[in-house]
Amino acid sequence: MRFIKSTLLTAFVCLIPAGNACAESFNERVLAAVASMPVGGGYEVSRNAAQNLCDSVKAESGRLQVQPDVAQPSYCSGATYLVFLKAILPEFNAISSRETRTAVAECLTIRNQPDGVGIWGRWNSNGPCMAKFFADARLGRSFRDHNLARPGDFLKLWWKSPVGRDEAGHSVIFLGLGSTPEGESGLQIWSSNKPLGYGKKVVPLSKISSALFSRCERPENIQNILVLPQRDAFLSDMLKRNATREELDRLVE
């Protein structure tokens, strides 16, 4: 299988040791969350879909409630974010302070924040969204070699070379290597996909310009989101311009 080409993205530096049991168990939780998600429901990027996504995550009295059935029709970044929230619930529930749990839950809710603002705004932004969030919150690491990927890794795909304002991207969860019905090598992924919504598909490698995998290896660091700036200037800026390779390199220096 040929290596996925990438003319722009570089791997994020691993700030946390790889290969530990925590990473494997979290990936397993991601896969369990995927298995529990609805099937279908339609794909739609609209005000209605955005409001339904907001309504699917509730923070009440130090509790975080995630109801994916409410988020239909759906779109890709919302689908992967709901899976992340479901997988991170054990670490969230383990926070001993109710005051801290309440603050973390409020940070994780979705209020249609613009790109780069809050946690949802980071996850939903153009550019290296999940990768930068994981790096800044010390939740994990990112890389671009699909040979290093494990089922349950989060993954941002780009269909053409620009990353930022002019990008065409897709937020997904990696399930493994696969083949299309025509026999072409590809990546098996789960997300909200056009036109059916929640579900699996195989993306041919020939259609992928670049890919960035993100692995949550330190989910216990979820409290770090409380000290992140409210606005990530770099991710917010991806609405107005494209990133350069040098800028992406500097993110991990």
C-alpha atoms as a PDB file:
ATOM      1  CA  MET A   1       0.000   0.000   0.000  1.00  0.00           C
ATOM      2  CA  ARG A   2       1.435   3.333  -1.003  1.00  0.00           C
ATOM      3  CA  PHE A   3       2.154   6.026   1.562  1.00  0.00           C
ATOM      4  CA  ILE A   4      -0.490   8.740   1.799  1.00  0.00           C
ATOM      5  CA  LYS A   5       0.931  11.814   0.107  1.00  0.00           C
ATOM      6  CA  SER A   6       1.189  15.043   2.076  1.00  0.00           C
ATOM      7  CA  THR A   7       2.643  18.222   0.652  1.00  0.00           C
ATOM      8  CA  LEU A   8       1.770  20.387   3.633  1.00  0.00           C
ATOM      9  CA  LEU A   9       1.191  18.613   6.910  1.00  0.00           C
ATOM     10  CA  THR A  10       4.012  17.480   9.156  1.00  0.00           C
ATOM     11  CA  ALA A  11       3.669  15.224  12.165  1.00  0.00           C
ATOM     12  CA  PHE A  12       3.091  16.816  15.536  1.00  0.00           C
ATOM     13  CA  VAL A  13       5.903  16.099  17.987  1.00  0.00           C
ATOM     14  CA  CYS A  14       5.005  13.390  20.485  1.00  0.00           C
ATOM     15  CA  LEU A  15       4.874  15.188  23.813  1.00  0.00           C
ATOM     16  CA  ILE A  16       3.813  12.010  25.645  1.00  0.00           C
ATOM     17  CA  PRO A  17       5.356   8.525  25.477  1.00  0.00           C
ATOM     18  CA  ALA A  18       3.599   6.230  23.016  1.00  0.00           C
ATOM     19  CA  GLY A  19       2.470   2.659  23.369  1.00  0.00           C
ATOM     20  CA  ASN A  20       1.077   2.743  26.903  1.00  0.00           C
ATOM     21  CA  ALA A  21      -1.942   0.793  28.104  1.00  0.00           C
ATOM     22  CA  CYS A  22      -3.976   3.953  28.615  1.00  0.00           C
ATOM     23  CA  ALA A  23      -3.800   4.726  24.891  1.00  0.00           C
ATOM     24  CA  GLU A  24      -5.010   1.253  23.972  1.00  0.00           C
ATOM     25  CA  SER A  25      -7.883   1.275  26.452  1.00  0.00           C
ATOM     26  CA  PHE A  26      -9.033   4.715  25.305  1.00  0.00           C
ATOM     27  CA  ASN A  27      -9.020   3.577  21.683  1.00  0.00           C
ATOM     28  CA  GLU A  28     -11.147   0.626  22.737  1.00  0.00           C
ATOM     29  CA  ARG A  29     -13.574   3.035  24.381  1.00  0.00           C
ATOM     30  CA  VAL A  30     -13.694   5.086  21.199  1.00  0.00           C
ATOM     31  CA  LEU A  31     -14.626   1.959  19.244  1.00  0.00           C
ATOM     32  CA  ALA A  32     -17.262   1.038  21.829  1.00  0.00           C
ATOM     33  CA  ALA A  33     -18.694   4.553  21.533  1.00  0.00           C
ATOM     34  CA  VAL A  34     -18.785   4.206  17.744  1.00  0.00           C
ATOM     35  CA  ALA A  35     -20.651   0.911  18.092  1.00  0.00           C
ATOM     36  CA  SER A  36     -23.243   2.617  20.322  1.00  0.00           C
ATOM     37  CA  MET A  37     -23.921   5.491  17.919  1.00  0.00           C
ATOM     38  CA  PRO A  38     -27.050   5.701  15.757  1.00  0.00           C
ATOM     39  CA  VAL A  39     -26.896   4.513  12.159  1.00  0.00           C
ATOM     40  CA  GLY A  40     -27.905   6.817   9.331  1.00  0.00           C
ATOM     41  CA  GLY A  41     -30.106   9.778  10.190  1.00  0.00           C
ATOM     42  CA  GLY A  42     -28.920  11.817   7.222  1.00  0.00           C
ATOM     43  CA  TYR A  43     -25.995  14.156   6.612  1.00  0.00           C
ATOM     44  CA  GLU A  44     -26.719  17.853   6.719  1.00  0.00           C
ATOM     45  CA  VAL A  45     -24.724  21.006   7.403  1.00  0.00           C
ATOM     46  CA  SER A  46     -27.515  23.339   8.431  1.00  0.00           C
ATOM     47  CA  ARG A  47     -28.838  25.464  11.280  1.00  0.00           C
ATOM     48  CA  ASN A  48     -31.171  22.628  12.222  1.00  0.00           C
ATOM     49  CA  ALA A  49     -28.335  20.093  12.436  1.00  0.00           C
ATOM     50  CA  ALA A  50     -26.212  22.538  14.448  1.00  0.00           C
ATOM     51  CA  GLN A  51     -29.024  23.155  16.954  1.00  0.00           C
ATOM     52  CA  ASN A  52     -29.700  19.437  17.326  1.00  0.00           C
ATOM     53  CA  LEU A  53     -26.006  18.904  18.051  1.00  0.00           C
ATOM     54  CA  CYS A  54     -26.126  21.607  20.748  1.00  0.00           C
ATOM     55  CA  ASP A  55     -29.168  19.921  22.293  1.00  0.00           C
ATOM     56  CA  SER A  56     -27.435  16.528  22.356  1.00  0.00           C
ATOM     57  CA  VAL A  57     -24.889  17.558  25.029  1.00  0.00           C
ATOM     58  CA  LYS A  58     -26.128  18.766  28.419  1.00  0.00           C
ATOM     59  CA  ALA A  59     -24.214  19.912  31.493  1.00  0.00           C
ATOM     60  CA  GLU A  60     -26.226  19.771  34.716  1.00  0.00           C
ATOM     61  CA  SER A  61     -25.095  19.762  38.356  1.00  0.00           C
ATOM     62  CA  GLY A  62     -21.623  18.430  37.641  1.00  0.00           C
ATOM     63  CA  ARG A  63     -22.884  15.835  35.166  1.00  0.00           C
ATOM     64  CA  LEU A  64     -22.331  15.548  31.426  1.00  0.00           C
ATOM     65  CA  GLN A  65     -25.081  13.944  29.355  1.00  0.00           C
ATOM     66  CA  VAL A  66     -24.393  12.913  25.755  1.00  0.00           C
ATOM     67  CA  GLN A  67     -27.422  11.926  23.650  1.00  0.00           C
ATOM     68  CA  PRO A  68     -26.332  11.209  20.040  1.00  0.00           C
ATOM     69  CA  ASP A  69     -29.876  10.256  18.988  1.00  0.00           C
ATOM     70  CA  VAL A  70     -30.775  13.928  19.324  1.00  0.00           C
ATOM     71  CA  ALA A  71     -28.033  14.995  16.900  1.00  0.00           C
ATOM     72  CA  GLN A  72     -29.764  13.947  13.681  1.00  0.00           C
ATOM     73  CA  PRO A  73     -29.263  14.880  10.881  1.00  0.00           C
ATOM     74  CA  SER A  74     -25.555  15.153  11.569  1.00  0.00           C
ATOM     75  CA  TYR A  75     -22.225  16.227  10.119  1.00  0.00           C
ATOM     76  CA  CYS A  76     -18.686  14.912  10.457  1.00  0.00           C
ATOM     77  CA  SER A  77     -17.070  17.027  13.187  1.00  0.00           C
ATOM     78  CA  GLY A  78     -20.170  16.756  15.368  1.00  0.00           C
ATOM     79  CA  ALA A  79     -20.159  12.977  15.003  1.00  0.00           C
ATOM     80  CA  THR A  80     -16.513  12.577  16.053  1.00  0.00           C
ATOM     81  CA  TYR A  81     -16.916  15.068  18.919  1.00  0.00           C
ATOM     82  CA  LEU A  82     -19.845  13.113  20.373  1.00  0.00           C
ATOM     83  CA  VAL A  83     -17.727   9.940  20.251  1.00  0.00           C
ATOM     84  CA  PHE A  84     -14.885  11.764  22.012  1.00  0.00           C
ATOM     85  CA  LEU A  85     -17.255  12.931  24.754  1.00  0.00           C
ATOM     86  CA  LYS A  86     -18.671   9.432  25.271  1.00  0.00           C
ATOM     87  CA  ALA A  87     -15.174   7.947  25.462  1.00  0.00           C
ATOM     88  CA  ILE A  88     -13.878  10.573  27.910  1.00  0.00           C
ATOM     89  CA  LEU A  89     -16.773  10.152  30.381  1.00  0.00           C
ATOM     90  CA  PRO A  90     -14.865   7.808  32.793  1.00  0.00           C
ATOM     91  CA  GLU A  91     -12.144  10.447  33.285  1.00  0.00           C
ATOM     92  CA  PHE A  92     -14.739  13.183  33.583  1.00  0.00           C
ATOM     93  CA  ASN A  93     -16.697  11.239  36.205  1.00  0.00           C
ATOM     94  CA  ALA A  94     -13.471  10.532  38.118  1.00  0.00           C
ATOM     95  CA  ILE A  95     -12.919  14.249  38.816  1.00  0.00           C
ATOM     96  CA  SER A  96     -13.385  14.416  42.579  1.00  0.00           C
ATOM     97  CA  SER A  97     -14.367  18.055  42.861  1.00  0.00           C
ATOM     98  CA  ARG A  98     -17.948  18.762  41.846  1.00  0.00           C
ATOM     99  CA  GLU A  99     -16.974  22.371  41.172  1.00  0.00           C
ATOM    100  CA  THR A 100     -14.254  21.255  38.763  1.00  0.00           C
ATOM    101  CA  ARG A 101     -16.555  18.718  37.099  1.00  0.00           C
ATOM    102  CA  THR A 102     -19.141  21.438  36.580  1.00  0.00           C
ATOM    103  CA  ALA A 103     -16.563  23.733  34.998  1.00  0.00           C
ATOM    104  CA  VAL A 104     -15.231  20.988  32.707  1.00  0.00           C
ATOM    105  CA  ALA A 105     -18.758  20.004  31.656  1.00  0.00           C
ATOM    106  CA  GLU A 106     -19.568  23.599  30.774  1.00  0.00           C
ATOM    107  CA  CYS A 107     -16.404  23.803  28.666  1.00  0.00           C
ATOM    108  CA  LEU A 108     -17.359  20.666  26.756  1.00  0.00           C
ATOM    109  CA  THR A 109     -20.888  21.740  25.828  1.00  0.00           C
ATOM    110  CA  ILE A 110     -21.689  22.991  22.334  1.00  0.00           C
ATOM    111  CA  ARG A 111     -23.079  26.490  21.925  1.00  0.00           C
ATOM    112  CA  ASN A 112     -22.347  27.108  18.263  1.00  0.00           C
ATOM    113  CA  GLN A 113     -18.985  28.613  19.180  1.00  0.00           C
ATOM    114  CA  PRO A 114     -17.147  29.973  16.128  1.00  0.00           C
ATOM    115  CA  ASP A 115     -14.018  28.272  14.843  1.00  0.00           C
ATOM    116  CA  GLY A 116     -11.193  28.300  17.391  1.00  0.00           C
ATOM    117  CA  VAL A 117     -13.370  29.446  20.308  1.00  0.00           C
ATOM    118  CA  GLY A 118     -13.853  27.069  23.238  1.00  0.00           C
ATOM    119  CA  ILE A 119     -13.398  23.314  22.971  1.00  0.00           C
ATOM    120  CA  TRP A 120     -16.090  22.736  20.366  1.00  0.00           C
ATOM    121  CA  GLY A 121     -14.781  25.666  18.315  1.00  0.00           C
ATOM    122  CA  ARG A 122     -11.341  24.079  18.311  1.00  0.00           C
ATOM    123  CA  TRP A 123     -12.671  20.646  17.324  1.00  0.00           C
ATOM    124  CA  ASN A 124     -14.897  22.071  14.582  1.00  0.00           C
ATOM    125  CA  SER A 125     -12.345  24.421  13.034  1.00  0.00           C
ATOM    126  CA  ASN A 126     -10.507  24.236   9.755  1.00  0.00           C
ATOM    127  CA  GLY A 127      -6.864  23.232   9.850  1.00  0.00           C
ATOM    128  CA  PRO A 128      -5.236  20.776  12.300  1.00  0.00           C
ATOM    129  CA  CYS A 129      -8.197  21.015  14.678  1.00  0.00           C
ATOM    130  CA  MET A 130      -8.177  17.802  16.751  1.00  0.00           C
ATOM    131  CA  ALA A 131      -4.389  17.545  16.582  1.00  0.00           C
ATOM    132  CA  LYS A 132      -3.792  21.017  17.974  1.00  0.00           C
ATOM    133  CA  PHE A 133      -6.425  20.540  20.665  1.00  0.00           C
ATOM    134  CA  PHE A 134      -4.857  17.253  21.827  1.00  0.00           C
ATOM    135  CA  ALA A 135      -1.385  18.829  21.842  1.00  0.00           C
ATOM    136  CA  ASP A 136      -2.413  22.004  23.708  1.00  0.00           C
ATOM    137  CA  ALA A 137      -4.419  20.113  26.358  1.00  0.00           C
ATOM    138  CA  ARG A 138      -1.693  17.439  26.682  1.00  0.00           C
ATOM    139  CA  LEU A 139      -4.231  14.758  25.833  1.00  0.00           C
ATOM    140  CA  GLY A 140      -2.166  12.986  23.210  1.00  0.00           C
ATOM    141  CA  ARG A 141      -0.152  13.131  20.039  1.00  0.00           C
ATOM    142  CA  SER A 142      -0.642  13.259  16.297  1.00  0.00           C
ATOM    143  CA  PHE A 143       1.106  11.751  13.274  1.00  0.00           C
ATOM    144  CA  ARG A 144       0.496  11.264   9.569  1.00  0.00           C
ATOM    145  CA  ASP A 145       1.792   7.770   8.761  1.00  0.00           C
ATOM    146  CA  HIS A 146      -1.226   5.471   8.415  1.00  0.00           C
ATOM    147  CA  ASN A 147       1.053   2.500   9.124  1.00  0.00           C
ATOM    148  CA  LEU A 148       1.291   3.755  12.728  1.00  0.00           C
ATOM    149  CA  ALA A 149      -2.459   4.142  13.116  1.00  0.00           C
ATOM    150  CA  ARG A 150      -4.638   2.048  15.410  1.00  0.00           C
ATOM    151  CA  PRO A 151      -8.391   1.525  15.205  1.00  0.00           C
ATOM    152  CA  GLY A 152      -9.980   4.190  17.376  1.00  0.00           C
ATOM    153  CA  ASP A 153      -7.583   6.994  16.403  1.00  0.00           C
ATOM    154  CA  PHE A 154      -9.184  10.281  15.415  1.00  0.00           C
ATOM    155  CA  LEU A 155      -8.357  11.413  11.901  1.00  0.00           C
ATOM    156  CA  LYS A 156      -8.615  14.566   9.796  1.00  0.00           C
ATOM    157  CA  LEU A 157      -8.628  13.970   6.046  1.00  0.00           C
ATOM    158  CA  TRP A 158      -8.080  16.558   3.322  1.00  0.00           C
ATOM    159  CA  TRP A 159      -9.230  15.986  -0.248  1.00  0.00           C
ATOM    160  CA  LYS A 160      -6.966  18.694  -1.699  1.00  0.00           C
ATOM    161  CA  SER A 161      -3.732  20.367  -0.641  1.00  0.00           C
ATOM    162  CA  PRO A 162      -4.832  23.637   1.068  1.00  0.00           C
ATOM    163  CA  VAL A 163      -5.221  23.471   4.853  1.00  0.00           C
ATOM    164  CA  GLY A 164      -7.247  26.352   6.242  1.00  0.00           C
ATOM    165  CA  ARG A 165      -9.573  28.745   4.421  1.00  0.00           C
ATOM    166  CA  ASP A 166      -9.619  26.840   1.134  1.00  0.00           C
ATOM    167  CA  GLU A 167      -9.562  23.319   2.513  1.00  0.00           C
ATOM    168  CA  ALA A 168     -11.950  20.484   1.830  1.00  0.00           C
ATOM    169  CA  GLY A 169     -11.700  18.218   4.863  1.00  0.00           C
ATOM    170  CA  HIS A 170     -13.448  15.437   6.731  1.00  0.00           C
ATOM    171  CA  SER A 171     -13.352  14.608  10.468  1.00  0.00           C
ATOM    172  CA  VAL A 172     -13.475  10.839  11.016  1.00  0.00           C
ATOM    173  CA  ILE A 173     -12.461   7.920  13.232  1.00  0.00           C
ATOM    174  CA  PHE A 174      -9.997   5.399  11.840  1.00  0.00           C
ATOM    175  CA  LEU A 175     -11.185   1.785  11.906  1.00  0.00           C
ATOM    176  CA  GLY A 176      -8.449   0.073   9.896  1.00  0.00           C
ATOM    177  CA  LEU A 177      -7.156  -0.516   6.396  1.00  0.00           C
ATOM    178  CA  GLY A 178      -9.615  -1.723   3.793  1.00  0.00           C
ATOM    179  CA  SER A 179     -10.553  -1.957   0.141  1.00  0.00           C
ATOM    180  CA  THR A 180     -13.307  -0.367  -1.895  1.00  0.00           C
ATOM    181  CA  PRO A 181     -15.833  -2.561  -3.753  1.00  0.00           C
ATOM    182  CA  GLU A 182     -13.642  -1.954  -6.812  1.00  0.00           C
ATOM    183  CA  GLY A 183     -10.635  -3.386  -4.984  1.00  0.00           C
ATOM    184  CA  GLU A 184      -8.775  -0.105  -4.406  1.00  0.00           C
ATOM    185  CA  SER A 185      -6.753   0.227  -1.192  1.00  0.00           C
ATOM    186  CA  GLY A 186      -8.191   2.643   1.326  1.00  0.00           C
ATOM    187  CA  LEU A 187      -8.867   3.580   4.928  1.00  0.00           C
ATOM    188  CA  GLN A 188     -11.957   2.265   6.687  1.00  0.00           C
ATOM    189  CA  ILE A 189     -13.469   5.120   8.641  1.00  0.00           C
ATOM    190  CA  TRP A 190     -16.548   6.015  10.693  1.00  0.00           C
ATOM    191  CA  SER A 191     -18.183   9.433  10.767  1.00  0.00           C
ATOM    192  CA  SER A 192     -21.244  11.224   9.525  1.00  0.00           C
ATOM    193  CA  ASN A 193     -20.829  10.770   5.791  1.00  0.00           C
ATOM    194  CA  LYS A 194     -22.770  12.053   2.802  1.00  0.00           C
ATOM    195  CA  PRO A 195     -25.590  11.306   2.192  1.00  0.00           C
ATOM    196  CA  LEU A 196     -26.688   8.764   4.809  1.00  0.00           C
ATOM    197  CA  GLY A 197     -25.201  10.202   8.007  1.00  0.00           C
ATOM    198  CA  TYR A 198     -23.674   8.084  10.776  1.00  0.00           C
ATOM    199  CA  GLY A 199     -21.879   5.041   9.426  1.00  0.00           C
ATOM    200  CA  LYS A 200     -18.765   3.346   8.077  1.00  0.00           C
ATOM    201  CA  LYS A 201     -17.138   3.621   4.683  1.00  0.00           C
ATOM    202  CA  VAL A 202     -13.829   2.959   2.929  1.00  0.00           C
ATOM    203  CA  VAL A 203     -12.073   6.048   1.572  1.00  0.00           C
ATOM    204  CA  PRO A 204      -9.723   5.262  -1.350  1.00  0.00           C
ATOM    205  CA  LEU A 205      -6.153   6.394  -0.769  1.00  0.00           C
ATOM    206  CA  SER A 206      -6.193   7.975  -4.217  1.00  0.00           C
ATOM    207  CA  LYS A 207      -8.770  10.530  -3.028  1.00  0.00           C
ATOM    208  CA  ILE A 208      -6.781  11.611   0.049  1.00  0.00           C
ATOM    209  CA  SER A 209      -4.400  14.539  -0.364  1.00  0.00           C
ATOM    210  CA  SER A 210      -3.218  14.438   3.258  1.00  0.00           C
ATOM    211  CA  ALA A 211      -4.180  12.915   6.588  1.00  0.00           C
ATOM    212  CA  LEU A 212      -3.444  13.660  10.225  1.00  0.00           C
ATOM    213  CA  PHE A 213      -4.137  11.032  12.896  1.00  0.00           C
ATOM    214  CA  SER A 214      -4.647  12.047  16.552  1.00  0.00           C
ATOM    215  CA  ARG A 215      -4.492   9.613  19.458  1.00  0.00           C
ATOM    216  CA  CYS A 216      -5.776  10.425  22.950  1.00  0.00           C
ATOM    217  CA  GLU A 217      -3.161   8.882  25.243  1.00  0.00           C
ATOM    218  CA  ARG A 218      -3.736  10.890  28.428  1.00  0.00           C
ATOM    219  CA  PRO A 219      -7.501  11.255  28.841  1.00  0.00           C
ATOM    220  CA  GLU A 220      -6.967  11.952  32.556  1.00  0.00           C
ATOM    221  CA  ASN A 221      -5.638  15.367  31.478  1.00  0.00           C
ATOM    222  CA  ILE A 222      -9.115  16.475  30.457  1.00  0.00           C
ATOM    223  CA  GLN A 223      -9.045  19.071  33.262  1.00  0.00           C
ATOM    224  CA  ASN A 224      -6.358  20.909  31.288  1.00  0.00           C
ATOM    225  CA  ILE A 225      -9.106  22.372  29.127  1.00  0.00           C
ATOM    226  CA  LEU A 226      -9.864  24.746  32.008  1.00  0.00           C
ATOM    227  CA  VAL A 227      -6.558  26.581  31.503  1.00  0.00           C
ATOM    228  CA  LEU A 228      -6.653  26.825  27.712  1.00  0.00           C
ATOM    229  CA  PRO A 229      -7.238  30.320  26.317  1.00  0.00           C
ATOM    230  CA  GLN A 230     -10.849  30.887  25.391  1.00  0.00           C
ATOM    231  CA  ARG A 231      -9.815  31.548  21.806  1.00  0.00           C
ATOM    232  CA  ASP A 232      -7.167  29.730  19.773  1.00  0.00           C
ATOM    233  CA  ALA A 233      -5.938  32.494  17.478  1.00  0.00           C
ATOM    234  CA  PHE A 234      -4.312  30.121  14.995  1.00  0.00           C
ATOM    235  CA  LEU A 235      -7.419  27.975  14.496  1.00  0.00           C
ATOM    236  CA  SER A 236      -9.672  31.030  14.340  1.00  0.00           C
ATOM    237  CA  ASP A 237      -7.412  32.444  11.646  1.00  0.00           C
ATOM    238  CA  MET A 238      -7.907  29.341   9.496  1.00  0.00           C
ATOM    239  CA  LEU A 239     -11.246  30.815   8.396  1.00  0.00           C
ATOM    240  CA  LYS A 240      -9.401  33.656   6.690  1.00  0.00           C
ATOM    241  CA  ARG A 241      -6.238  32.127   5.272  1.00  0.00           C
ATOM    242  CA  ASN A 242      -4.392  28.916   4.573  1.00  0.00           C
ATOM    243  CA  ALA A 243      -1.615  27.576   6.773  1.00  0.00           C
ATOM    244  CA  THR A 244       1.946  27.252   5.558  1.00  0.00           C
ATOM    245  CA  ARG A 245       4.183  24.281   6.236  1.00  0.00           C
ATOM    246  CA  GLU A 246       6.465  26.495   8.336  1.00  0.00           C
ATOM    247  CA  GLU A 247       3.561  27.554  10.556  1.00  0.00           C
ATOM    248  CA  LEU A 248       2.540  23.965  11.146  1.00  0.00           C
ATOM    249  CA  ASP A 249       6.152  23.098  11.978  1.00  0.00           C
ATOM    250  CA  ARG A 250       6.312  25.902  14.541  1.00  0.00           C
ATOM    251  CA  LEU A 251       3.205  24.611  16.316  1.00  0.00           C
ATOM    252  CA  VAL A 252       5.227  21.713  17.709  1.00  0.00           C
ATOM    253  CA  GLU A 253       8.587  23.341  18.413  1.00  0.00           C
END
